[in-house]
PDB file of N, CA and C in Angstrom:
ATOM      1  N   MET A   1      15.361 148.952  23.635  1.00  0.00           N
ATOM      2  CA  MET A   1      15.694 149.712  22.457  1.00  0.00           C
ATOM      3  C   MET A   1      15.463 148.891  21.181  1.00  0.00           C
ATOM      4  N   LYS A   2      15.889 147.640  21.246  1.00  0.00           N
ATOM      5  CA  LYS A   2      15.739 146.764  20.086  1.00  0.00           C
ATOM      6  C   LYS A   2      14.268 146.629  19.696  1.00  0.00           C
ATOM      7  N   GLU A   3      13.412 146.482  20.700  1.00  0.00           N
ATOM      8  CA  GLU A   3      11.983 146.326  20.444  1.00  0.00           C
ATOM      9  C   GLU A   3      11.390 147.604  19.853  1.00  0.00           C
ATOM     10  N   LEU A   4      11.877 148.747  20.314  1.00  0.00           N
ATOM     11  CA  LEU A   4      11.394 150.035  19.822  1.00  0.00           C
ATOM     12  C   LEU A   4      11.698 150.197  18.338  1.00  0.00           C
ATOM     13  N   ILE A   5      12.918 149.912  17.934  1.00  0.00           N
ATOM     14  CA  ILE A   5      13.304 150.022  16.525  1.00  0.00           C
ATOM     15  C   ILE A   5      12.554 149.006  15.679  1.00  0.00           C
ATOM     16  N   THR A   6      12.394 147.797  16.193  1.00  0.00           N
ATOM     17  CA  THR A   6      11.652 146.768  15.461  1.00  0.00           C
ATOM     18  C   THR A   6      10.221 147.215  15.216  1.00  0.00           C
ATOM     19  N   LEU A   7       9.590 147.756  16.228  1.00  0.00           N
ATOM     20  CA  LEU A   7       8.213 148.234  16.110  1.00  0.00           C
ATOM     21  C   LEU A   7       8.097 149.353  15.076  1.00  0.00           C
ATOM     22  N   MET A   8       8.999 150.323  15.129  1.00  0.00           N
ATOM     23  CA  MET A   8       8.954 151.442  14.176  1.00  0.00           C
ATOM     24  C   MET A   8       9.207 150.962  12.753  1.00  0.00           C
ATOM     25  N   ALA A   9      10.201 150.095  12.572  1.00  0.00           N
ATOM     26  CA  ALA A   9      10.548 149.624  11.235  1.00  0.00           C
ATOM     27  C   ALA A   9       9.419 148.796  10.628  1.00  0.00           C
ATOM     28  N   LYS A  10       8.806 147.927  11.431  1.00  0.00           N
ATOM     29  CA  LYS A  10       7.712 147.104  10.913  1.00  0.00           C
ATOM     30  C   LYS A  10       6.512 147.947  10.502  1.00  0.00           C
ATOM     31  N   ALA A  11       6.313 149.084  11.156  1.00  0.00           N
ATOM     32  CA  ALA A  11       5.209 149.970  10.799  1.00  0.00           C
ATOM     33  C   ALA A  11       5.478 150.700   9.481  1.00  0.00           C
ATOM     34  N   LEU A  12       6.735 150.848   9.110  1.00  0.00           N
ATOM     35  CA  LEU A  12       7.096 151.605   7.911  1.00  0.00           C
ATOM     36  C   LEU A  12       7.159 150.765   6.640  1.00  0.00           C
ATOM     37  N   VAL A  13       7.504 149.498   6.761  1.00  0.00           N
ATOM     38  CA  VAL A  13       7.814 148.684   5.581  1.00  0.00           C
ATOM     39  C   VAL A  13       6.601 147.915   5.063  1.00  0.00           C
ATOM     40  N   ASP A  14       6.744 147.423   3.818  1.00  0.00           N
ATOM     41  CA  ASP A  14       5.700 146.592   3.217  1.00  0.00           C
ATOM     42  C   ASP A  14       5.844 145.124   3.614  1.00  0.00           C
ATOM     43  N   ASP A  15       7.063 144.711   3.938  1.00  0.00           N
ATOM     44  CA  ASP A  15       7.343 143.315   4.270  1.00  0.00           C
ATOM     45  C   ASP A  15       7.909 143.220   5.692  1.00  0.00           C
ATOM     46  N   PRO A  16       7.042 143.274   6.713  1.00  0.00           N
ATOM     47  CA  PRO A  16       7.527 143.296   8.096  1.00  0.00           C
ATOM     48  C   PRO A  16       8.224 142.015   8.549  1.00  0.00           C
ATOM     49  N   GLU A  17       8.017 140.904   7.845  1.00  0.00           N
ATOM     50  CA  GLU A  17       8.672 139.656   8.231  1.00  0.00           C
ATOM     51  C   GLU A  17      10.181 139.716   8.021  1.00  0.00           C
ATOM     52  N   LYS A  18      10.630 140.579   7.129  1.00  0.00           N
ATOM     53  CA  LYS A  18      12.062 140.659   6.820  1.00  0.00           C
ATOM     54  C   LYS A  18      12.796 141.702   7.656  1.00  0.00           C
ATOM     55  N   VAL A  19      12.125 142.276   8.634  1.00  0.00           N
ATOM     56  CA  VAL A  19      12.782 143.243   9.517  1.00  0.00           C
ATOM     57  C   VAL A  19      13.583 142.482  10.565  1.00  0.00           C
ATOM     58  N   GLU A  20      14.871 142.793  10.644  1.00  0.00           N
ATOM     59  CA  GLU A  20      15.753 142.172  11.633  1.00  0.00           C
ATOM     60  C   GLU A  20      16.547 143.264  12.331  1.00  0.00           C
ATOM     61  N   VAL A  21      16.660 143.161  13.636  1.00  0.00           N
ATOM     62  CA  VAL A  21      17.476 144.092  14.404  1.00  0.00           C
ATOM     63  C   VAL A  21      18.451 143.275  15.233  1.00  0.00           C
ATOM     64  N   GLN A  22      19.729 143.564  15.050  1.00  0.00           N
ATOM     65  CA  GLN A  22      20.771 142.884  15.821  1.00  0.00           C
ATOM     66  C   GLN A  22      21.377 143.898  16.781  1.00  0.00           C
ATOM     67  N   GLU A  23      21.552 143.481  18.022  1.00  0.00           N
ATOM     68  CA  GLU A  23      22.063 144.363  19.063  1.00  0.00           C
ATOM     69  C   GLU A  23      23.494 143.964  19.416  1.00  0.00           C
ATOM     70  N   ILE A  24      24.403 144.928  19.328  1.00  0.00           N
ATOM     71  CA  ILE A  24      25.804 144.702  19.678  1.00  0.00           C
ATOM     72  C   ILE A  24      26.120 145.626  20.846  1.00  0.00           C
ATOM     73  N   LYS A  25      26.474 145.028  21.991  1.00  0.00           N
ATOM     74  CA  LYS A  25      26.677 145.815  23.210  1.00  0.00           C
ATOM     75  C   LYS A  25      28.154 145.992  23.515  1.00  0.00           C
ATOM     76  N   ALA A  26      28.475 147.197  23.982  1.00  0.00           N
ATOM     77  CA  ALA A  26      29.788 147.499  24.549  1.00  0.00           C
ATOM     78  C   ALA A  26      29.523 148.048  25.948  1.00  0.00           C
ATOM     79  N   GLN A  27      30.493 148.711  26.560  1.00  0.00           N
ATOM     80  CA  GLN A  27      30.300 149.186  27.930  1.00  0.00           C
ATOM     81  C   GLN A  27      29.174 150.213  28.030  1.00  0.00           C
ATOM     82  N   GLN A  28      29.324 151.344  27.393  1.00  0.00           N
ATOM     83  CA  GLN A  28      28.313 152.401  27.468  1.00  0.00           C
ATOM     84  C   GLN A  28      27.638 152.639  26.127  1.00  0.00           C
ATOM     85  N   THR A  29      27.937 151.812  25.145  1.00  0.00           N
ATOM     86  CA  THR A  29      27.409 152.003  23.801  1.00  0.00           C
ATOM     87  C   THR A  29      26.695 150.741  23.331  1.00  0.00           C
ATOM     88  N   VAL A  30      25.587 150.950  22.646  1.00  0.00           N
ATOM     89  CA  VAL A  30      24.850 149.850  22.029  1.00  0.00           C
ATOM     90  C   VAL A  30      24.689 150.192  20.553  1.00  0.00           C
ATOM     91  N   VAL A  31      25.074 149.276  19.680  1.00  0.00           N
ATOM     92  CA  VAL A  31      24.902 149.463  18.243  1.00  0.00           C
ATOM     93  C   VAL A  31      23.747 148.579  17.802  1.00  0.00           C
ATOM     94  N   LEU A  32      22.758 149.181  17.164  1.00  0.00           N
ATOM     95  CA  LEU A  32      21.624 148.433  16.630  1.00  0.00           C
ATOM     96  C   LEU A  32      21.747 148.409  15.114  1.00  0.00           C
ATOM     97  N   GLU A  33      21.846 147.218  14.546  1.00  0.00           N
ATOM     98  CA  GLU A  33      21.916 147.064  13.097  1.00  0.00           C
ATOM     99  C   GLU A  33      20.534 146.676  12.598  1.00  0.00           C
ATOM    100  N   LEU A  34      19.965 147.521  11.763  1.00  0.00           N
ATOM    101  CA  LEU A  34      18.626 147.298  11.222  1.00  0.00           C
ATOM    102  C   LEU A  34      18.740 146.793   9.797  1.00  0.00           C
ATOM    103  N   ARG A  35      18.125 145.644   9.545  1.00  0.00           N
ATOM    104  CA  ARG A  35      18.082 145.077   8.199  1.00  0.00           C
ATOM    105  C   ARG A  35      16.629 144.959   7.768  1.00  0.00           C
ATOM    106  N   VAL A  36      16.354 145.412   6.546  1.00  0.00           N
ATOM    107  CA  VAL A  36      15.013 145.298   5.970  1.00  0.00           C
ATOM    108  C   VAL A  36      15.161 144.778   4.546  1.00  0.00           C
ATOM    109  N   ALA A  37      14.035 144.441   3.924  1.00  0.00           N
ATOM    110  CA  ALA A  37      14.068 144.005   2.532  1.00  0.00           C
ATOM    111  C   ALA A  37      14.596 145.142   1.662  1.00  0.00           C
ATOM    112  N   LYS A  38      15.275 144.798   0.597  1.00  0.00           N
ATOM    113  CA  LYS A  38      15.893 145.800  -0.271  1.00  0.00           C
ATOM    114  C   LYS A  38      14.866 146.807  -0.795  1.00  0.00           C
ATOM    115  N   GLU A  39      13.662 146.336  -1.080  1.00  0.00           N
ATOM    116  CA  GLU A  39      12.609 147.215  -1.603  1.00  0.00           C
ATOM    117  C   GLU A  39      12.146 148.233  -0.555  1.00  0.00           C
ATOM    118  N   ASP A  40      12.314 147.911   0.712  1.00  0.00           N
ATOM    119  CA  ASP A  40      11.841 148.772   1.798  1.00  0.00           C
ATOM    120  C   ASP A  40      12.919 149.701   2.348  1.00  0.00           C
ATOM    121  N   LEU A  41      14.118 149.588   1.835  1.00  0.00           N
ATOM    122  CA  LEU A  41      15.230 150.379   2.355  1.00  0.00           C
ATOM    123  C   LEU A  41      14.957 151.880   2.250  1.00  0.00           C
ATOM    124  N   GLY A  42      14.404 152.314   1.134  1.00  0.00           N
ATOM    125  CA  GLY A  42      14.095 153.732   0.943  1.00  0.00           C
ATOM    126  C   GLY A  42      13.047 154.239   1.914  1.00  0.00           C
ATOM    127  N   LYS A  43      12.112 153.402   2.273  1.00  0.00           N
ATOM    128  CA  LYS A  43      11.064 153.807   3.217  1.00  0.00           C
ATOM    129  C   LYS A  43      11.632 154.012   4.611  1.00  0.00           C
ATOM    130  N   VAL A  44      12.589 153.190   4.992  1.00  0.00           N
ATOM    131  CA  VAL A  44      13.186 153.299   6.320  1.00  0.00           C
ATOM    132  C   VAL A  44      14.127 154.508   6.391  1.00  0.00           C
ATOM    133  N   ILE A  45      14.836 154.777   5.297  1.00  0.00           N
ATOM    134  CA  ILE A  45      15.754 155.915   5.285  1.00  0.00           C
ATOM    135  C   ILE A  45      14.982 157.223   5.110  1.00  0.00           C
ATOM    136  N   GLY A  46      14.010 157.234   4.214  1.00  0.00           N
ATOM    137  CA  GLY A  46      13.206 158.435   4.001  1.00  0.00           C
ATOM    138  C   GLY A  46      13.886 159.439   3.091  1.00  0.00           C
ATOM    139  N   ARG A  47      13.124 160.444   2.703  1.00  0.00           N
ATOM    140  CA  ARG A  47      13.649 161.481   1.826  1.00  0.00           C
ATOM    141  C   ARG A  47      14.701 162.293   2.578  1.00  0.00           C
ATOM    142  N   LYS A  48      15.883 162.376   1.980  1.00  0.00           N
ATOM    143  CA  LYS A  48      17.035 163.072   2.572  1.00  0.00           C
ATOM    144  C   LYS A  48      17.387 162.528   3.960  1.00  0.00           C
ATOM    145  N   GLY A  49      17.008 161.276   4.233  1.00  0.00           N
ATOM    146  CA  GLY A  49      17.361 160.644   5.498  1.00  0.00           C
ATOM    147  C   GLY A  49      16.541 161.098   6.689  1.00  0.00           C
ATOM    148  N   ARG A  50      15.423 161.746   6.430  1.00  0.00           N
ATOM    149  CA  ARG A  50      14.618 162.296   7.530  1.00  0.00           C
ATOM    150  C   ARG A  50      14.012 161.225   8.420  1.00  0.00           C
ATOM    151  N   THR A  51      13.539 160.144   7.840  1.00  0.00           N
ATOM    152  CA  THR A  51      12.935 159.080   8.647  1.00  0.00           C
ATOM    153  C   THR A  51      13.991 158.413   9.522  1.00  0.00           C
ATOM    154  N   ALA A  52      15.145 158.132   8.944  1.00  0.00           N
ATOM    155  CA  ALA A  52      16.233 157.522   9.718  1.00  0.00           C
ATOM    156  C   ALA A  52      16.680 158.460  10.834  1.00  0.00           C
ATOM    157  N   GLN A  53      16.757 159.751  10.545  1.00  0.00           N
ATOM    158  CA  GLN A  53      17.166 160.715  11.561  1.00  0.00           C
ATOM    159  C   GLN A  53      16.132 160.789  12.684  1.00  0.00           C
ATOM    160  N   ALA A  54      14.856 160.716  12.335  1.00  0.00           N
ATOM    161  CA  ALA A  54      13.801 160.736  13.353  1.00  0.00           C
ATOM    162  C   ALA A  54      13.898 159.501  14.251  1.00  0.00           C
ATOM    163  N   MET A  55      14.177 158.349  13.654  1.00  0.00           N
ATOM    164  CA  MET A  55      14.341 157.130  14.445  1.00  0.00           C
ATOM    165  C   MET A  55      15.537 157.255  15.386  1.00  0.00           C
ATOM    166  N   ARG A  56      16.618 157.854  14.897  1.00  0.00           N
ATOM    167  CA  ARG A  56      17.809 158.052  15.741  1.00  0.00           C
ATOM    168  C   ARG A  56      17.525 159.017  16.886  1.00  0.00           C
ATOM    169  N   THR A  57      16.726 160.049  16.615  1.00  0.00           N
ATOM    170  CA  THR A  57      16.376 161.016  17.660  1.00  0.00           C
ATOM    171  C   THR A  57      15.550 160.352  18.756  1.00  0.00           C
ATOM    172  N   ILE A  58      14.587 159.543  18.373  1.00  0.00           N
ATOM    173  CA  ILE A  58      13.764 158.825  19.351  1.00  0.00           C
ATOM    174  C   ILE A  58      14.636 157.881  20.179  1.00  0.00           C
ATOM    175  N   LEU A  59      15.557 157.181  19.519  1.00  0.00           N
ATOM    176  CA  LEU A  59      16.482 156.287  20.232  1.00  0.00           C
ATOM    177  C   LEU A  59      17.353 157.061  21.209  1.00  0.00           C
ATOM    178  N   SER A  60      17.802 158.214  20.793  1.00  0.00           N
ATOM    179  CA  SER A  60      18.648 159.037  21.654  1.00  0.00           C
ATOM    180  C   SER A  60      17.908 159.445  22.920  1.00  0.00           C
ATOM    181  N   CYS A  61      16.657 159.837  22.770  1.00  0.00           N
ATOM    182  CA  CYS A  61      15.845 160.215  23.935  1.00  0.00           C
ATOM    183  C   CYS A  61      15.605 159.012  24.847  1.00  0.00           C
ATOM    184  N   ALA A  62      15.306 157.870  24.259  1.00  0.00           N
ATOM    185  CA  ALA A  62      15.043 156.671  25.055  1.00  0.00           C
ATOM    186  C   ALA A  62      16.307 156.183  25.767  1.00  0.00           C
ATOM    187  N   SER A  63      17.442 156.325  25.124  1.00  0.00           N
ATOM    188  CA  SER A  63      18.683 155.836  25.728  1.00  0.00           C
ATOM    189  C   SER A  63      19.216 156.786  26.797  1.00  0.00           C
ATOM    190  N   ALA A  64      18.810 158.032  26.771  1.00  0.00           N
ATOM    191  CA  ALA A  64      19.266 158.991  27.780  1.00  0.00           C
ATOM    192  C   ALA A  64      18.815 158.567  29.171  1.00  0.00           C
ATOM    193  N   LYS A  65      17.653 157.946  29.251  1.00  0.00           N
ATOM    194  CA  LYS A  65      17.149 157.434  30.529  1.00  0.00           C
ATOM    195  C   LYS A  65      18.104 156.415  31.138  1.00  0.00           C
ATOM    196  N   GLU A  66      18.631 155.560  30.295  1.00  0.00           N
ATOM    197  CA  GLU A  66      19.508 154.484  30.751  1.00  0.00           C
ATOM    198  C   GLU A  66      20.979 154.896  30.762  1.00  0.00           C
ATOM    199  N   GLN A  67      21.250 156.136  30.418  1.00  0.00           N
ATOM    200  CA  GLN A  67      22.605 156.682  30.368  1.00  0.00           C
ATOM    201  C   GLN A  67      23.525 155.841  29.487  1.00  0.00           C
ATOM    202  N   LYS A  68      23.012 155.487  28.321  1.00  0.00           N
ATOM    203  CA  LYS A  68      23.794 154.745  27.336  1.00  0.00           C
ATOM    204  C   LYS A  68      23.716 155.478  26.009  1.00  0.00           C
ATOM    205  N   ARG A  69      24.698 155.227  25.178  1.00  0.00           N
ATOM    206  CA  ARG A  69      24.708 155.792  23.837  1.00  0.00           C
ATOM    207  C   ARG A  69      24.265 154.692  22.881  1.00  0.00           C
ATOM    208  N   VAL A  70      23.269 155.007  22.060  1.00  0.00           N
ATOM    209  CA  VAL A  70      22.755 154.021  21.114  1.00  0.00           C
ATOM    210  C   VAL A  70      22.996 154.531  19.698  1.00  0.00           C
ATOM    211  N   ILE A  71      23.566 153.674  18.871  1.00  0.00           N
ATOM    212  CA  ILE A  71      23.846 154.012  17.480  1.00  0.00           C
ATOM    213  C   ILE A  71      22.983 153.112  16.602  1.00  0.00           C
ATOM    214  N   LEU A  72      22.257 153.727  15.668  1.00  0.00           N
ATOM    215  CA  LEU A  72      21.435 152.966  14.726  1.00  0.00           C
ATOM    216  C   LEU A  72      22.140 152.928  13.382  1.00  0.00           C
ATOM    217  N   GLU A  73      22.405 151.718  12.901  1.00  0.00           N
ATOM    218  CA  GLU A  73      22.991 151.525  11.580  1.00  0.00           C
ATOM    219  C   GLU A  73      21.981 150.782  10.723  1.00  0.00           C
ATOM    220  N   ILE A  74      21.709 151.332   9.554  1.00  0.00           N
ATOM    221  CA  ILE A  74      20.802 150.679   8.616  1.00  0.00           C
ATOM    222  C   ILE A  74      21.677 150.008   7.564  1.00  0.00           C
ATOM    223  N   VAL A  75      21.628 148.682   7.525  1.00  0.00           N
ATOM    224  CA  VAL A  75      22.493 147.919   6.621  1.00  0.00           C
ATOM    225  C   VAL A  75      21.645 147.161   5.615  1.00  0.00           C
ATOM    226  N   GLU A  76      22.263 146.851   4.471  1.00  0.00           N
ATOM    227  CA  GLU A  76      21.548 146.107   3.430  1.00  0.00           C
ATOM    228  C   GLU A  76      21.609 144.626   3.690  1.00  0.00           C
TER     229      GLU A  76
END
């Protein structure tokens, strides 16, 4: 999951070196914290949050296979 989000985020931003994804695991839940450069934050979130929602939908489908709940948090 972490690699999937990293790949998507690096494709969206202007500064891919500053993309960081931290994975926090619990029993059935995984929280992925996505950090990007401040200038690229709008690109990752998208207009009305559509890009972020699309990333969450893809994560949800991928995590259903593993029967885990994945939460994507975009932090500054």
